[in-house]
């Protein structure tokens, strides 16, 4: 073999060695960056899960609060309707008593009294009519 072929063989062998080292370094760099990325992603995932659990708790508390408010609103609506019904009944009773009082006044409308003895029978009749 000639010296040139020996030199060429050594050069090619050196190039392969350098290329293998460069490729191994690149593979190590890519593997380490991929591992770091996975590690960072796992940390972010765990933080997101913890935040989700916290938000689910807050959401459940808000739902419970809204349910309680809805119950209170329903109770107030029922109380309002009951009060309106009592008010209507009181107005009807007052109107009936007013008519009864007007009828009693009509019965004693022409009575004139100058003393208590003259007024007592009319007052008694008025009270009996209103009762």
C-alpha atoms as a PDB file:
ATOM      1  CA  UNK A   1       0.000   0.000   0.000  1.00  0.00           C
ATOM      2  CA  UNK A   2       1.173   3.347  -0.742  1.00  0.00           C
ATOM      3  CA  UNK A   3       1.603   6.129   1.707  1.00  0.00           C
ATOM      4  CA  UNK A   4      -1.199   8.063   0.161  1.00  0.00           C
ATOM      5  CA  UNK A   5      -3.711   5.271   0.654  1.00  0.00           C
ATOM      6  CA  UNK A   6      -2.533   4.914   4.265  1.00  0.00           C
ATOM      7  CA  UNK A   7      -2.979   8.637   4.794  1.00  0.00           C
ATOM      8  CA  UNK A   8      -6.370   8.587   3.079  1.00  0.00           C
ATOM      9  CA  UNK A   9      -7.473   5.634   5.227  1.00  0.00           C
ATOM     10  CA  UNK A  10      -6.318   7.444   8.377  1.00  0.00           C
ATOM     11  CA  UNK A  11      -8.094  10.621   7.324  1.00  0.00           C
ATOM     12  CA  UNK A  12     -11.318   8.776   6.591  1.00  0.00           C
ATOM     13  CA  UNK A  13     -11.032   6.912   9.893  1.00  0.00           C
ATOM     14  CA  UNK A  14     -10.454  10.209  11.728  1.00  0.00           C
ATOM     15  CA  UNK A  15     -13.402  11.829   9.998  1.00  0.00           C
ATOM     16  CA  UNK A  16     -15.652   8.957  11.051  1.00  0.00           C
ATOM     17  CA  UNK A  17     -14.422   9.208  14.612  1.00  0.00           C
ATOM     18  CA  UNK A  18     -15.019  12.981  14.680  1.00  0.00           C
ATOM     19  CA  UNK A  19     -18.441  12.524  13.053  1.00  0.00           C
ATOM     20  CA  UNK A  20     -19.340   9.828  15.580  1.00  0.00           C
ATOM     21  CA  UNK A  21     -18.297  12.079  18.477  1.00  0.00           C
ATOM     22  CA  UNK A  22     -20.241  15.040  17.049  1.00  0.00           C
ATOM     23  CA  UNK A  23     -23.308  12.852  16.478  1.00  0.00           C
ATOM     24  CA  UNK A  24     -23.035  11.395  19.999  1.00  0.00           C
ATOM     25  CA  UNK A  25     -22.777  14.924  21.461  1.00  0.00           C
ATOM     26  CA  UNK A  26     -25.776  16.050  19.405  1.00  0.00           C
ATOM     27  CA  UNK A  27     -27.742  12.989  20.534  1.00  0.00           C
ATOM     28  CA  UNK A  28     -26.797  13.683  24.165  1.00  0.00           C
ATOM     29  CA  UNK A  29     -27.844  17.323  23.767  1.00  0.00           C
ATOM     30  CA  UNK A  30     -31.198  16.399  22.183  1.00  0.00           C
ATOM     31  CA  UNK A  31     -31.877  13.687  24.783  1.00  0.00           C
ATOM     32  CA  UNK A  32     -31.076  15.995  27.684  1.00  0.00           C
ATOM     33  CA  UNK A  33     -33.195  18.820  26.292  1.00  0.00           C
ATOM     34  CA  UNK A  34     -36.058  16.384  25.674  1.00  0.00           C
ATOM     35  CA  UNK A  35     -35.756  15.091  29.234  1.00  0.00           C
ATOM     36  CA  UNK A  36     -35.716  18.633  30.576  1.00  0.00           C
ATOM     37  CA  UNK A  37     -38.781  19.450  28.502  1.00  0.00           C
ATOM     38  CA  UNK A  38     -40.626  16.401  29.835  1.00  0.00           C
ATOM     39  CA  UNK A  39     -39.627  17.322  33.374  1.00  0.00           C
ATOM     40  CA  UNK A  40     -40.870  20.913  32.931  1.00  0.00           C
ATOM     41  CA  UNK A  41     -44.094  19.690  31.313  1.00  0.00           C
ATOM     42  CA  UNK A  42     -44.714  17.289  34.203  1.00  0.00           C
ATOM     43  CA  UNK A  43     -44.249  20.140  36.695  1.00  0.00           C
ATOM     44  CA  UNK A  44     -46.656  22.349  34.742  1.00  0.00           C
ATOM     45  CA  UNK A  45     -49.148  19.475  34.545  1.00  0.00           C
ATOM     46  CA  UNK A  46     -49.018  18.959  38.302  1.00  0.00           C
ATOM     47  CA  UNK A  47     -49.477  22.686  38.924  1.00  0.00           C
ATOM     48  CA  UNK A  48     -52.428  22.763  36.498  1.00  0.00           C
ATOM     49  CA  UNK A  49     -54.028  19.785  38.256  1.00  0.00           C
ATOM     50  CA  UNK A  50     -53.666  21.486  41.643  1.00  0.00           C
ATOM     51  CA  UNK A  51     -55.181  24.703  40.242  1.00  0.00           C
ATOM     52  CA  UNK A  52     -58.034  22.679  38.719  1.00  0.00           C
ATOM     53  CA  UNK A  53     -58.810  21.008  42.040  1.00  0.00           C
ATOM     54  CA  UNK A  54     -58.816  24.412  43.742  1.00  0.00           C
ATOM     55  CA  UNK A  55     -61.097  25.916  41.089  1.00  0.00           C
ATOM     56  CA  UNK A  56     -63.457  22.946  41.345  1.00  0.00           C
ATOM     57  CA  UNK A  57     -63.748  23.636  45.079  1.00  0.00           C
ATOM     58  CA  UNK A  58     -64.466  27.305  44.450  1.00  0.00           C
ATOM     59  CA  UNK A  59     -67.010  26.380  41.776  1.00  0.00           C
ATOM     60  CA  UNK A  60     -68.782  23.969  44.127  1.00  0.00           C
ATOM     61  CA  UNK A  61     -68.921  26.638  46.833  1.00  0.00           C
ATOM     62  CA  UNK A  62     -70.370  29.135  44.359  1.00  0.00           C
ATOM     63  CA  UNK A  63     -72.974  26.609  43.205  1.00  0.00           C
ATOM     64  CA  UNK A  64     -73.980  26.000  46.818  1.00  0.00           C
ATOM     65  CA  UNK A  65     -74.206  29.753  47.410  1.00  0.00           C
ATOM     66  CA  UNK A  66     -76.369  30.240  44.325  1.00  0.00           C
ATOM     67  CA  UNK A  67     -78.645  27.395  45.445  1.00  0.00           C
ATOM     68  CA  UNK A  68     -78.995  29.008  48.876  1.00  0.00           C
ATOM     69  CA  UNK A  69     -79.783  32.382  47.281  1.00  0.00           C
ATOM     70  CA  UNK A  70     -82.403  30.772  45.045  1.00  0.00           C
ATOM     71  CA  UNK A  71     -84.010  29.143  48.095  1.00  0.00           C
ATOM     72  CA  UNK A  72     -84.069  32.510  49.874  1.00  0.00           C
ATOM     73  CA  UNK A  73     -85.622  34.202  46.828  1.00  0.00           C
ATOM     74  CA  UNK A  74     -88.288  31.490  46.612  1.00  0.00           C
ATOM     75  CA  UNK A  75     -89.030  31.939  50.316  1.00  0.00           C
ATOM     76  CA  UNK A  76     -89.343  35.702  49.890  1.00  0.00           C
ATOM     77  CA  UNK A  77     -91.653  35.227  46.892  1.00  0.00           C
ATOM     78  CA  UNK A  78     -93.893  32.891  48.903  1.00  0.00           C
ATOM     79  CA  UNK A  79     -93.903  35.300  51.848  1.00  0.00           C
ATOM     80  CA  UNK A  80     -94.796  38.165  49.498  1.00  0.00           C
ATOM     81  CA  UNK A  81     -97.712  36.213  48.038  1.00  0.00           C
ATOM     82  CA  UNK A  82     -98.956  35.312  51.520  1.00  0.00           C
ATOM     83  CA  UNK A  83     -98.710  38.969  52.594  1.00  0.00           C
ATOM     84  CA  UNK A  84    -100.598  40.054  49.491  1.00  0.00           C
ATOM     85  CA  UNK A  85    -103.320  37.521  50.224  1.00  0.00           C
ATOM     86  CA  UNK A  86    -103.570  38.723  53.836  1.00  0.00           C
ATOM     87  CA  UNK A  87    -103.699  42.322  52.601  1.00  0.00           C
ATOM     88  CA  UNK A  88    -106.495  41.512  50.168  1.00  0.00           C
ATOM     89  CA  UNK A  89    -108.425  39.714  52.924  1.00  0.00           C
ATOM     90  CA  UNK A  90    -107.919  42.669  55.273  1.00  0.00           C
ATOM     91  CA  UNK A  91    -109.134  45.088  52.596  1.00  0.00           C
ATOM     92  CA  UNK A  92    -112.215  42.944  51.976  1.00  0.00           C
ATOM     93  CA  UNK A  93    -112.915  42.771  55.725  1.00  0.00           C
ATOM     94  CA  UNK A  94    -112.454  46.528  56.059  1.00  0.00           C
ATOM     95  CA  UNK A  95    -114.807  47.143  53.146  1.00  0.00           C
ATOM     96  CA  UNK A  96    -117.444  44.851  54.693  1.00  0.00           C
ATOM     97  CA  UNK A  97    -117.102  46.572  58.064  1.00  0.00           C
ATOM     98  CA  UNK A  98    -117.300  49.947  56.342  1.00  0.00           C
ATOM     99  CA  UNK A  99    -120.548  48.949  54.647  1.00  0.00           C
ATOM    100  CA  UNK A 100    -121.878  47.682  57.962  1.00  0.00           C
ATOM    101  CA  UNK A 101    -120.917  50.978  59.636  1.00  0.00           C
ATOM    102  CA  UNK A 102    -122.532  52.992  56.850  1.00  0.00           C
ATOM    103  CA  UNK A 103    -125.744  50.953  57.232  1.00  0.00           C
ATOM    104  CA  UNK A 104    -125.682  51.516  61.016  1.00  0.00           C
ATOM    105  CA  UNK A 105    -125.216  55.254  60.516  1.00  0.00           C
ATOM    106  CA  UNK A 106    -128.120  55.300  58.103  1.00  0.00           C
ATOM    107  CA  UNK A 107    -130.357  53.798  60.819  1.00  0.00           C
ATOM    108  CA  UNK A 108    -129.565  56.579  63.271  1.00  0.00           C
ATOM    109  CA  UNK A 109    -129.224  59.353  60.725  1.00  0.00           C
ATOM    110  CA  UNK A 110    -132.320  61.314  61.769  1.00  0.00           C
ATOM    111  CA  UNK A 111    -131.797  61.062  65.530  1.00  0.00           C
ATOM    112  CA  UNK A 112    -131.277  64.338  67.385  1.00  0.00           C
ATOM    113  CA  UNK A 113    -130.338  64.300  71.033  1.00  0.00           C
ATOM    114  CA  UNK A 114    -129.626  67.089  73.465  1.00  0.00           C
ATOM    115  CA  UNK A 115    -128.913  64.999  76.544  1.00  0.00           C
ATOM    116  CA  UNK A 116    -127.129  61.747  77.278  1.00  0.00           C
ATOM    117  CA  UNK A 117    -130.397  60.037  78.139  1.00  0.00           C
ATOM    118  CA  UNK A 118    -131.722  60.851  74.678  1.00  0.00           C
ATOM    119  CA  UNK A 119    -128.474  59.803  72.931  1.00  0.00           C
ATOM    120  CA  UNK A 120    -127.922  56.465  74.712  1.00  0.00           C
ATOM    121  CA  UNK A 121    -130.591  54.484  72.765  1.00  0.00           C
ATOM    122  CA  UNK A 122    -129.171  55.702  69.440  1.00  0.00           C
ATOM    123  CA  UNK A 123    -125.611  54.902  70.501  1.00  0.00           C
ATOM    124  CA  UNK A 124    -126.701  51.449  71.699  1.00  0.00           C
ATOM    125  CA  UNK A 125    -128.466  50.819  68.388  1.00  0.00           C
ATOM    126  CA  UNK A 126    -125.357  51.977  66.489  1.00  0.00           C
ATOM    127  CA  UNK A 127    -123.103  49.661  68.498  1.00  0.00           C
ATOM    128  CA  UNK A 128    -125.416  46.690  68.079  1.00  0.00           C
ATOM    129  CA  UNK A 129    -125.627  47.265  64.341  1.00  0.00           C
ATOM    130  CA  UNK A 130    -121.824  47.459  63.997  1.00  0.00           C
ATOM    131  CA  UNK A 131    -121.168  44.382  66.112  1.00  0.00           C
END
